[in-house]
Structure formats: structure tokens, C-alpha cells
Amino acid sequence: MRHTAFIKLRYGDEMAAKAIACSVEPDNLQAPPNLRVVAREVDGEVKVEIECECRVETLLQTVDDLLSCIQAAEKSLKCVQQSYKEDCLNHVELV
């Protein structure tokens, strides 16, 4: 049976949304043939479509795995943004 799930995450920041969407794109490249994951950035939002010819439990596990990957990407992005801000502040102090 075919199942489809949609996830929409609002960031309000196109660059952050693009980074998150790109971070989960490799999941689609490694997906089995009966599973399709498409993530894209649209106006500061990440829109993800997951489609599978599988049991609904498999779809739910895929959604759970994907959300875990997104959460890890968000944490990484936050660390990079914080580090960049600190570097900028240090640079200003040195000048």
C-alpha cells in the first residue's frame, strides 16, 4: 500500500531552511527503491514529502528517523551560527 507523509518546518530564514533541507537530501540518495524522500526550501520553510510502498509502521519509523536527522542538523547549524557570531565579535574587538 502507498503511504505519504508531509512535514513543514518554518524557520523564517531562507539560508537556515536551505541548510536544513540540504542536510537531509542524502537520506533520499540512500533510500530503498520503495521509499522516496524529497526535501526543499520554500520561502524560509523546509517542506518534506515522504512516500513509500510499505507498511505504515515503516513510514512512521522513516518520519521519526528524518526528524532526528533534522534535529541534529538544527543543533549543528545553531553551533555554527553561534561560532560565527563570536568570531565576528572577536574580530571587531581586535580592530
PDB file of N, CA and C in Angstrom:
ATOM      1  N   MET A   1       0.838  -1.177   0.000  1.00  0.00           N
ATOM      2  CA  MET A   1       0.000   0.000   0.000  1.00  0.00           C
ATOM      3  C   MET A   1       0.886   1.245   0.000  1.00  0.00           C
ATOM      4  N   ARG A   2       0.471   2.278  -0.691  1.00  0.00           N
ATOM      5  CA  ARG A   2       1.233   3.523  -0.781  1.00  0.00           C
ATOM      6  C   ARG A   2       0.803   4.468   0.340  1.00  0.00           C
ATOM      7  N   HIS A   3       1.805   5.002   1.037  1.00  0.00           N
ATOM      8  CA  HIS A   3       1.577   5.972   2.108  1.00  0.00           C
ATOM      9  C   HIS A   3       2.413   7.213   1.828  1.00  0.00           C
ATOM     10  N   THR A   4       1.880   8.366   2.216  1.00  0.00           N
ATOM     11  CA  THR A   4       2.594   9.625   2.036  1.00  0.00           C
ATOM     12  C   THR A   4       2.489  10.452   3.308  1.00  0.00           C
ATOM     13  N   ALA A   5       3.599  11.083   3.669  1.00  0.00           N
ATOM     14  CA  ALA A   5       3.619  11.993   4.821  1.00  0.00           C
ATOM     15  C   ALA A   5       4.244  13.307   4.371  1.00  0.00           C
ATOM     16  N   PHE A   6       3.742  14.396   4.914  1.00  0.00           N
ATOM     17  CA  PHE A   6       4.275  15.722   4.623  1.00  0.00           C
ATOM     18  C   PHE A   6       4.714  16.368   5.932  1.00  0.00           C
ATOM     19  N   ILE A   7       5.865  17.003   5.897  1.00  0.00           N
ATOM     20  CA  ILE A   7       6.379  17.736   7.053  1.00  0.00           C
ATOM     21  C   ILE A   7       6.684  19.151   6.581  1.00  0.00           C
ATOM     22  N   LYS A   8       6.251  20.133   7.362  1.00  0.00           N
ATOM     23  CA  LYS A   8       6.584  21.528   7.050  1.00  0.00           C
ATOM     24  C   LYS A   8       7.168  22.162   8.302  1.00  0.00           C
ATOM     25  N   LEU A   9       8.375  22.697   8.163  1.00  0.00           N
ATOM     26  CA  LEU A   9       9.073  23.337   9.276  1.00  0.00           C
ATOM     27  C   LEU A   9       9.335  24.790   8.908  1.00  0.00           C
ATOM     28  N   ARG A  10       8.922  25.701   9.762  1.00  0.00           N
ATOM     29  CA  ARG A  10       9.102  27.133   9.497  1.00  0.00           C
ATOM     30  C   ARG A  10      10.342  27.645  10.211  1.00  0.00           C
ATOM     31  N   TYR A  11      11.218  28.273   9.449  1.00  0.00           N
ATOM     32  CA  TYR A  11      12.431  28.858  10.009  1.00  0.00           C
ATOM     33  C   TYR A  11      12.425  30.377   9.889  1.00  0.00           C
ATOM     34  N   GLY A  12      11.762  30.918   8.884  1.00  0.00           N
ATOM     35  CA  GLY A  12      11.738  32.361   8.684  1.00  0.00           C
ATOM     36  C   GLY A  12      13.056  32.897   8.146  1.00  0.00           C
ATOM     37  N   ASP A  13      13.990  32.028   7.877  1.00  0.00           N
ATOM     38  CA  ASP A  13      15.316  32.399   7.390  1.00  0.00           C
ATOM     39  C   ASP A  13      15.644  31.455   6.235  1.00  0.00           C
ATOM     40  N   GLU A  14      15.717  32.003   5.028  1.00  0.00           N
ATOM     41  CA  GLU A  14      15.932  31.159   3.853  1.00  0.00           C
ATOM     42  C   GLU A  14      17.239  30.381   3.919  1.00  0.00           C
ATOM     43  N   MET A  15      18.306  31.031   4.397  1.00  0.00           N
ATOM     44  CA  MET A  15      19.609  30.355   4.457  1.00  0.00           C
ATOM     45  C   MET A  15      19.566  29.163   5.425  1.00  0.00           C
ATOM     46  N   ALA A  16      18.950  29.355   6.573  1.00  0.00           N
ATOM     47  CA  ALA A  16      18.837  28.257   7.542  1.00  0.00           C
ATOM     48  C   ALA A  16      17.978  27.134   6.963  1.00  0.00           C
ATOM     49  N   ALA A  17      16.864  27.495   6.343  1.00  0.00           N
ATOM     50  CA  ALA A  17      15.978  26.488   5.761  1.00  0.00           C
ATOM     51  C   ALA A  17      16.685  25.714   4.647  1.00  0.00           C
ATOM     52  N   LYS A  18      17.462  26.418   3.811  1.00  0.00           N
ATOM     53  CA  LYS A  18      18.210  25.735   2.746  1.00  0.00           C
ATOM     54  C   LYS A  18      19.231  24.778   3.333  1.00  0.00           C
ATOM     55  N   ALA A  19      19.911  25.209   4.389  1.00  0.00           N
ATOM     56  CA  ALA A  19      20.911  24.348   5.025  1.00  0.00           C
ATOM     57  C   ALA A  19      20.265  23.082   5.583  1.00  0.00           C
ATOM     58  N   ILE A  20      19.119  23.234   6.217  1.00  0.00           N
ATOM     59  CA  ILE A  20      18.428  22.069   6.790  1.00  0.00           C
ATOM     60  C   ILE A  20      17.931  21.150   5.677  1.00  0.00           C
ATOM     61  N   ALA A  21      17.333  21.717   4.639  1.00  0.00           N
ATOM     62  CA  ALA A  21      16.834  20.903   3.524  1.00  0.00           C
ATOM     63  C   ALA A  21      17.976  20.134   2.862  1.00  0.00           C
ATOM     64  N   CYS A  22      19.108  20.792   2.655  1.00  0.00           N
ATOM     65  CA  CYS A  22      20.265  20.126   2.042  1.00  0.00           C
ATOM     66  C   CYS A  22      20.829  19.038   2.947  1.00  0.00           C
ATOM     67  N   SER A  23      20.727  19.241   4.245  1.00  0.00           N
ATOM     68  CA  SER A  23      21.309  18.265   5.176  1.00  0.00           C
ATOM     69  C   SER A  23      20.581  16.929   5.148  1.00  0.00           C
ATOM     70  N   VAL A  24      19.318  16.922   4.794  1.00  0.00           N
ATOM     71  CA  VAL A  24      18.581  15.653   4.756  1.00  0.00           C
ATOM     72  C   VAL A  24      18.494  15.071   3.347  1.00  0.00           C
ATOM     73  N   GLU A  25      18.986  15.780   2.364  1.00  0.00           N
ATOM     74  CA  GLU A  25      18.930  15.287   0.986  1.00  0.00           C
ATOM     75  C   GLU A  25      19.674  13.957   0.803  1.00  0.00           C
ATOM     76  N   PRO A  26      20.836  13.736   1.447  1.00  0.00           N
ATOM     77  CA  PRO A  26      21.499  12.433   1.286  1.00  0.00           C
ATOM     78  C   PRO A  26      20.634  11.255   1.719  1.00  0.00           C
ATOM     79  N   ASP A  27      19.679  11.492   2.626  1.00  0.00           N
ATOM     80  CA  ASP A  27      18.778  10.409   3.032  1.00  0.00           C
ATOM     81  C   ASP A  27      18.001   9.867   1.841  1.00  0.00           C
ATOM     82  N   ASN A  28      17.654  10.736   0.894  1.00  0.00           N
ATOM     83  CA  ASN A  28      16.923  10.309  -0.288  1.00  0.00           C
ATOM     84  C   ASN A  28      17.825   9.474  -1.201  1.00  0.00           C
ATOM     85  N   LEU A  29      19.103   9.824  -1.274  1.00  0.00           N
ATOM     86  CA  LEU A  29      20.020   9.097  -2.148  1.00  0.00           C
ATOM     87  C   LEU A  29      20.265   7.675  -1.663  1.00  0.00           C
ATOM     88  N   GLN A  30      20.155   7.455  -0.366  1.00  0.00           N
ATOM     89  CA  GLN A  30      20.407   6.138   0.206  1.00  0.00           C
ATOM     90  C   GLN A  30      19.114   5.368   0.494  1.00  0.00           C
ATOM     91  N   ALA A  31      17.991   5.905   0.091  1.00  0.00           N
ATOM     92  CA  ALA A  31      16.703   5.275   0.391  1.00  0.00           C
ATOM     93  C   ALA A  31      16.496   4.036  -0.477  1.00  0.00           C
ATOM     94  N   PRO A  32      15.801   3.038   0.060  1.00  0.00           N
ATOM     95  CA  PRO A  32      15.467   1.865  -0.754  1.00  0.00           C
ATOM     96  C   PRO A  32      14.520   2.258  -1.887  1.00  0.00           C
ATOM     97  N   PRO A  33      14.422   1.412  -2.907  1.00  0.00           N
ATOM     98  CA  PRO A  33      13.611   1.756  -4.087  1.00  0.00           C
ATOM     99  C   PRO A  33      12.136   2.031  -3.785  1.00  0.00           C
ATOM    100  N   ASN A  34      11.600   1.464  -2.718  1.00  0.00           N
ATOM    101  CA  ASN A  34      10.177   1.656  -2.417  1.00  0.00           C
ATOM    102  C   ASN A  34       9.929   2.879  -1.533  1.00  0.00           C
ATOM    103  N   LEU A  35      10.982   3.699  -1.314  1.00  0.00           N
ATOM    104  CA  LEU A  35      10.872   4.861  -0.436  1.00  0.00           C
ATOM    105  C   LEU A  35      11.439   6.090  -1.135  1.00  0.00           C
ATOM    106  N   ARG A  36      10.698   7.196  -1.062  1.00  0.00           N
ATOM    107  CA  ARG A  36      11.151   8.448  -1.678  1.00  0.00           C
ATOM    108  C   ARG A  36      11.035   9.566  -0.654  1.00  0.00           C
ATOM    109  N   VAL A  37      12.124  10.320  -0.487  1.00  0.00           N
ATOM    110  CA  VAL A  37      12.147  11.461   0.426  1.00  0.00           C
ATOM    111  C   VAL A  37      12.598  12.674  -0.372  1.00  0.00           C
ATOM    112  N   VAL A  38      11.776  13.714  -0.390  1.00  0.00           N
ATOM    113  CA  VAL A  38      12.124  14.950  -1.090  1.00  0.00           C
ATOM    114  C   VAL A  38      12.000  16.095  -0.099  1.00  0.00           C
ATOM    115  N   ALA A  39      13.104  16.825   0.078  1.00  0.00           N
ATOM    116  CA  ALA A  39      13.114  17.988   0.976  1.00  0.00           C
ATOM    117  C   ALA A  39      13.503  19.205   0.157  1.00  0.00           C
ATOM    118  N   ARG A  40      12.780  20.298   0.362  1.00  0.00           N
ATOM    119  CA  ARG A  40      13.112  21.527  -0.357  1.00  0.00           C
ATOM    120  C   ARG A  40      12.799  22.732   0.512  1.00  0.00           C
ATOM    121  N   GLU A  41      13.481  23.821   0.209  1.00  0.00           N
ATOM    122  CA  GLU A  41      13.261  25.084   0.915  1.00  0.00           C
ATOM    123  C   GLU A  41      12.325  25.941   0.080  1.00  0.00           C
ATOM    124  N   VAL A  42      11.311  26.493   0.716  1.00  0.00           N
ATOM    125  CA  VAL A  42      10.372  27.394   0.049  1.00  0.00           C
ATOM    126  C   VAL A  42      10.069  28.543   1.006  1.00  0.00           C
ATOM    127  N   ASP A  43      10.524  29.732   0.661  1.00  0.00           N
ATOM    128  CA  ASP A  43      10.228  30.937   1.450  1.00  0.00           C
ATOM    129  C   ASP A  43      10.532  30.781   2.943  1.00  0.00           C
ATOM    130  N   GLY A  44      11.709  30.274   3.251  1.00  0.00           N
ATOM    131  CA  GLY A  44      12.102  30.145   4.653  1.00  0.00           C
ATOM    132  C   GLY A  44      11.499  28.953   5.375  1.00  0.00           C
ATOM    133  N   GLU A  45      10.877  28.060   4.624  1.00  0.00           N
ATOM    134  CA  GLU A  45      10.309  26.837   5.201  1.00  0.00           C
ATOM    135  C   GLU A  45      10.983  25.624   4.567  1.00  0.00           C
ATOM    136  N   VAL A  46      11.061  24.548   5.323  1.00  0.00           N
ATOM    137  CA  VAL A  46      11.507  23.273   4.770  1.00  0.00           C
ATOM    138  C   VAL A  46      10.261  22.421   4.587  1.00  0.00           C
ATOM    139  N   LYS A  47      10.056  21.974   3.366  1.00  0.00           N
ATOM    140  CA  LYS A  47       8.920  21.105   3.063  1.00  0.00           C
ATOM    141  C   LYS A  47       9.473  19.745   2.666  1.00  0.00           C
ATOM    142  N   VAL A  48       9.015  18.727   3.366  1.00  0.00           N
ATOM    143  CA  VAL A  48       9.493  17.365   3.137  1.00  0.00           C
ATOM    144  C   VAL A  48       8.304  16.491   2.761  1.00  0.00           C
ATOM    145  N   GLU A  49       8.485  15.712   1.708  1.00  0.00           N
ATOM    146  CA  GLU A  49       7.474  14.727   1.315  1.00  0.00           C
ATOM    147  C   GLU A  49       8.126  13.350   1.383  1.00  0.00           C
ATOM    148  N   ILE A  50       7.474  12.459   2.088  1.00  0.00           N
ATOM    149  CA  ILE A  50       7.956  11.084   2.221  1.00  0.00           C
ATOM    150  C   ILE A  50       6.876  10.185   1.640  1.00  0.00           C
ATOM    151  N   GLU A  51       7.275   9.366   0.681  1.00  0.00           N
ATOM    152  CA  GLU A  51       6.320   8.480   0.030  1.00  0.00           C
ATOM    153  C   GLU A  51       6.905   7.076   0.031  1.00  0.00           C
ATOM    154  N   CYS A  52       6.086   6.103   0.386  1.00  0.00           N
ATOM    155  CA  CYS A  52       6.604   4.731   0.375  1.00  0.00           C
ATOM    156  C   CYS A  52       5.514   3.730   0.027  1.00  0.00           C
ATOM    157  N   GLU A  53       5.978   2.664  -0.580  1.00  0.00           N
ATOM    158  CA  GLU A  53       5.152   1.486  -0.837  1.00  0.00           C
ATOM    159  C   GLU A  53       5.542   0.484   0.246  1.00  0.00           C
ATOM    160  N   CYS A  54       4.974   0.660   1.428  1.00  0.00           N
ATOM    161  CA  CYS A  54       5.407  -0.142   2.569  1.00  0.00           C
ATOM    162  C   CYS A  54       4.319  -0.144   3.637  1.00  0.00           C
ATOM    163  N   ARG A  55       4.642  -0.795   4.745  1.00  0.00           N
ATOM    164  CA  ARG A  55       3.722  -0.787   5.877  1.00  0.00           C
ATOM    165  C   ARG A  55       3.732   0.607   6.504  1.00  0.00           C
ATOM    166  N   VAL A  56       2.638   0.991   7.115  1.00  0.00           N
ATOM    167  CA  VAL A  56       2.548   2.310   7.739  1.00  0.00           C
ATOM    168  C   VAL A  56       3.578   2.439   8.864  1.00  0.00           C
ATOM    169  N   GLU A  57       3.910   1.336   9.522  1.00  0.00           N
ATOM    170  CA  GLU A  57       4.929   1.366  10.579  1.00  0.00           C
ATOM    171  C   GLU A  57       6.291   1.777  10.018  1.00  0.00           C
ATOM    172  N   THR A  58       6.578   1.339   8.812  1.00  0.00           N
ATOM    173  CA  THR A  58       7.834   1.713   8.159  1.00  0.00           C
ATOM    174  C   THR A  58       7.848   3.204   7.858  1.00  0.00           C
ATOM    175  N   LEU A  59       6.730   3.726   7.410  1.00  0.00           N
ATOM    176  CA  LEU A  59       6.628   5.166   7.149  1.00  0.00           C
ATOM    177  C   LEU A  59       6.831   5.956   8.440  1.00  0.00           C
ATOM    178  N   LEU A  60       6.196   5.530   9.515  1.00  0.00           N
ATOM    179  CA  LEU A  60       6.338   6.230  10.797  1.00  0.00           C
ATOM    180  C   LEU A  60       7.780   6.193  11.293  1.00  0.00           C
ATOM    181  N   GLN A  61       8.451   5.071  11.127  1.00  0.00           N
ATOM    182  CA  GLN A  61       9.859   4.969  11.526  1.00  0.00           C
ATOM    183  C   GLN A  61      10.723   5.894  10.672  1.00  0.00           C
ATOM    184  N   THR A  62      10.404   5.993   9.393  1.00  0.00           N
ATOM    185  CA  THR A  62      11.144   6.884   8.498  1.00  0.00           C
ATOM    186  C   THR A  62      10.953   8.338   8.909  1.00  0.00           C
ATOM    187  N   VAL A  63       9.723   8.713   9.237  1.00  0.00           N
ATOM    188  CA  VAL A  63       9.453  10.081   9.709  1.00  0.00           C
ATOM    189  C   VAL A  63      10.235  10.349  10.988  1.00  0.00           C
ATOM    190  N   ASP A  64      10.234   9.402  11.903  1.00  0.00           N
ATOM    191  CA  ASP A  64      10.974   9.556  13.159  1.00  0.00           C
ATOM    192  C   ASP A  64      12.474   9.729  12.898  1.00  0.00           C
ATOM    193  N   ASP A  65      13.034   8.896  12.029  1.00  0.00           N
ATOM    194  CA  ASP A  65      14.456   8.998  11.687  1.00  0.00           C
ATOM    195  C   ASP A  65      14.772  10.345  11.043  1.00  0.00           C
ATOM    196  N   LEU A  66      13.918  10.767  10.142  1.00  0.00           N
ATOM    197  CA  LEU A  66      14.127  12.039   9.448  1.00  0.00           C
ATOM    198  C   LEU A  66      14.072  13.215  10.418  1.00  0.00           C
ATOM    199  N   LEU A  67      13.119  13.195  11.340  1.00  0.00           N
ATOM    200  CA  LEU A  67      13.033  14.273  12.330  1.00  0.00           C
ATOM    201  C   LEU A  67      14.265  14.291  13.235  1.00  0.00           C
ATOM    202  N   SER A  68      14.809  13.127  13.541  1.00  0.00           N
ATOM    203  CA  SER A  68      16.050  13.068  14.324  1.00  0.00           C
ATOM    204  C   SER A  68      17.207  13.684  13.547  1.00  0.00           C
ATOM    205  N   CYS A  69      17.277  13.396  12.257  1.00  0.00           N
ATOM    206  CA  CYS A  69      18.322  13.985  11.411  1.00  0.00           C
ATOM    207  C   CYS A  69      18.162  15.499  11.326  1.00  0.00           C
ATOM    208  N   ILE A  70      16.937  15.963  11.196  1.00  0.00           N
ATOM    209  CA  ILE A  70      16.674  17.401  11.131  1.00  0.00           C
ATOM    210  C   ILE A  70      17.071  18.063  12.446  1.00  0.00           C
ATOM    211  N   GLN A  71      16.745  17.424  13.556  1.00  0.00           N
ATOM    212  CA  GLN A  71      17.106  17.981  14.861  1.00  0.00           C
ATOM    213  C   GLN A  71      18.624  18.092  15.000  1.00  0.00           C
ATOM    214  N   ALA A  72      19.350  17.083  14.559  1.00  0.00           N
ATOM    215  CA  ALA A  72      20.815  17.132  14.612  1.00  0.00           C
ATOM    216  C   ALA A  72      21.348  18.246  13.715  1.00  0.00           C
ATOM    217  N   ALA A  73      20.756  18.411  12.536  1.00  0.00           N
ATOM    218  CA  ALA A  73      21.178  19.478  11.625  1.00  0.00           C
ATOM    219  C   ALA A  73      20.905  20.850  12.231  1.00  0.00           C
ATOM    220  N   GLU A  74      19.765  20.996  12.905  1.00  0.00           N
ATOM    221  CA  GLU A  74      19.440  22.274  13.558  1.00  0.00           C
ATOM    222  C   GLU A  74      20.454  22.602  14.656  1.00  0.00           C
ATOM    223  N   LYS A  75      20.823  21.601  15.445  1.00  0.00           N
ATOM    224  CA  LYS A  75      21.812  21.820  16.506  1.00  0.00           C
ATOM    225  C   LYS A  75      23.163  22.208  15.915  1.00  0.00           C
ATOM    226  N   SER A  76      23.561  21.535  14.850  1.00  0.00           N
ATOM    227  CA  SER A  76      24.831  21.855  14.196  1.00  0.00           C
ATOM    228  C   SER A  76      24.808  23.264  13.626  1.00  0.00           C
ATOM    229  N   LEU A  77      23.715  23.615  12.980  1.00  0.00           N
ATOM    230  CA  LEU A  77      23.586  24.952  12.404  1.00  0.00           C
ATOM    231  C   LEU A  77      23.641  26.018  13.490  1.00  0.00           C
ATOM    232  N   LYS A  78      22.988  25.765  14.597  1.00  0.00           N
ATOM    233  CA  LYS A  78      23.000  26.719  15.710  1.00  0.00           C
ATOM    234  C   LYS A  78      24.423  26.916  16.234  1.00  0.00           C
ATOM    235  N   CYS A  79      25.187  25.824  16.351  1.00  0.00           N
ATOM    236  CA  CYS A  79      26.578  25.924  16.811  1.00  0.00           C
ATOM    237  C   CYS A  79      27.422  26.732  15.828  1.00  0.00           C
ATOM    238  N   VAL A  80      27.241  26.483  14.545  1.00  0.00           N
ATOM    239  CA  VAL A  80      27.997  27.217  13.528  1.00  0.00           C
ATOM    240  C   VAL A  80      27.636  28.696  13.570  1.00  0.00           C
ATOM    241  N   GLN A  81      26.348  28.999  13.673  1.00  0.00           N
ATOM    242  CA  GLN A  81      25.920  30.400  13.731  1.00  0.00           C
ATOM    243  C   GLN A  81      26.485  31.089  14.969  1.00  0.00           C
ATOM    244  N   GLN A  82      26.464  30.408  16.103  1.00  0.00           N
ATOM    245  CA  GLN A  82      26.990  30.987  17.338  1.00  0.00           C
ATOM    246  C   GLN A  82      28.491  31.225  17.224  1.00  0.00           C
ATOM    247  N   SER A  83      29.198  30.262  16.665  1.00  0.00           N
ATOM    248  CA  SER A  83      30.646  30.393  16.494  1.00  0.00           C
ATOM    249  C   SER A  83      30.975  31.559  15.567  1.00  0.00           C
ATOM    250  N   TYR A  84      30.194  31.703  14.502  1.00  0.00           N
ATOM    251  CA  TYR A  84      30.395  32.806  13.557  1.00  0.00           C
ATOM    252  C   TYR A  84      30.184  34.148  14.253  1.00  0.00           C
ATOM    253  N   LYS A  85      29.128  34.252  15.053  1.00  0.00           N
ATOM    254  CA  LYS A  85      28.862  35.499  15.780  1.00  0.00           C
ATOM    255  C   LYS A  85      30.006  35.826  16.730  1.00  0.00           C
ATOM    256  N   GLU A  86      30.499  34.802  17.429  1.00  0.00           N
ATOM    257  CA  GLU A  86      31.608  35.025  18.364  1.00  0.00           C
ATOM    258  C   GLU A  86      32.867  35.461  17.621  1.00  0.00           C
ATOM    259  N   ASP A  87      33.138  34.837  16.466  1.00  0.00           N
ATOM    260  CA  ASP A  87      34.299  35.230  15.665  1.00  0.00           C
ATOM    261  C   ASP A  87      34.169  36.672  15.189  1.00  0.00           C
ATOM    262  N   CYS A  88      32.964  37.045  14.783  1.00  0.00           N
ATOM    263  CA  CYS A  88      32.737  38.424  14.328  1.00  0.00           C
ATOM    264  C   CYS A  88      32.965  39.407  15.474  1.00  0.00           C
ATOM    265  N   LEU A  89      32.478  39.083  16.651  1.00  0.00           N
ATOM    266  CA  LEU A  89      32.669  39.961  17.809  1.00  0.00           C
ATOM    267  C   LEU A  89      34.145  40.066  18.171  1.00  0.00           C
ATOM    268  N   ASN A  90      34.861  38.947  18.121  1.00  0.00           N
ATOM    269  CA  ASN A  90      36.292  38.961  18.417  1.00  0.00           C
ATOM    270  C   ASN A  90      37.051  39.793  17.397  1.00  0.00           C
ATOM    271  N   HIS A  91      36.657  39.706  16.151  1.00  0.00           N
ATOM    272  CA  HIS A  91      37.313  40.470  15.092  1.00  0.00           C
ATOM    273  C   HIS A  91      37.105  41.962  15.317  1.00  0.00           C
ATOM    274  N   VAL A  92      35.900  42.341  15.678  1.00  0.00           N
ATOM    275  CA  VAL A  92      35.599  43.752  15.929  1.00  0.00           C
ATOM    276  C   VAL A  92      36.431  44.261  17.099  1.00  0.00           C
ATOM    277  N   GLU A  93      36.594  43.437  18.129  1.00  0.00           N
ATOM    278  CA  GLU A  93      37.378  43.849  19.293  1.00  0.00           C
ATOM    279  C   GLU A  93      38.852  44.013  18.948  1.00  0.00           C
ATOM    280  N   LEU A  94      39.339  43.204  17.995  1.00  0.00           N
ATOM    281  CA  LEU A  94      40.749  43.271  17.635  1.00  0.00           C
ATOM    282  C   LEU A  94      41.082  44.485  16.780  1.00  0.00           C
ATOM    283  N   VAL A  95      40.129  44.998  16.068  1.00  0.00           N
ATOM    284  CA  VAL A  95      40.378  46.111  15.140  1.00  0.00           C
ATOM    285  C   VAL A  95      40.562  47.409  15.840  1.00  0.00           C
TER     286      VAL A  95
END
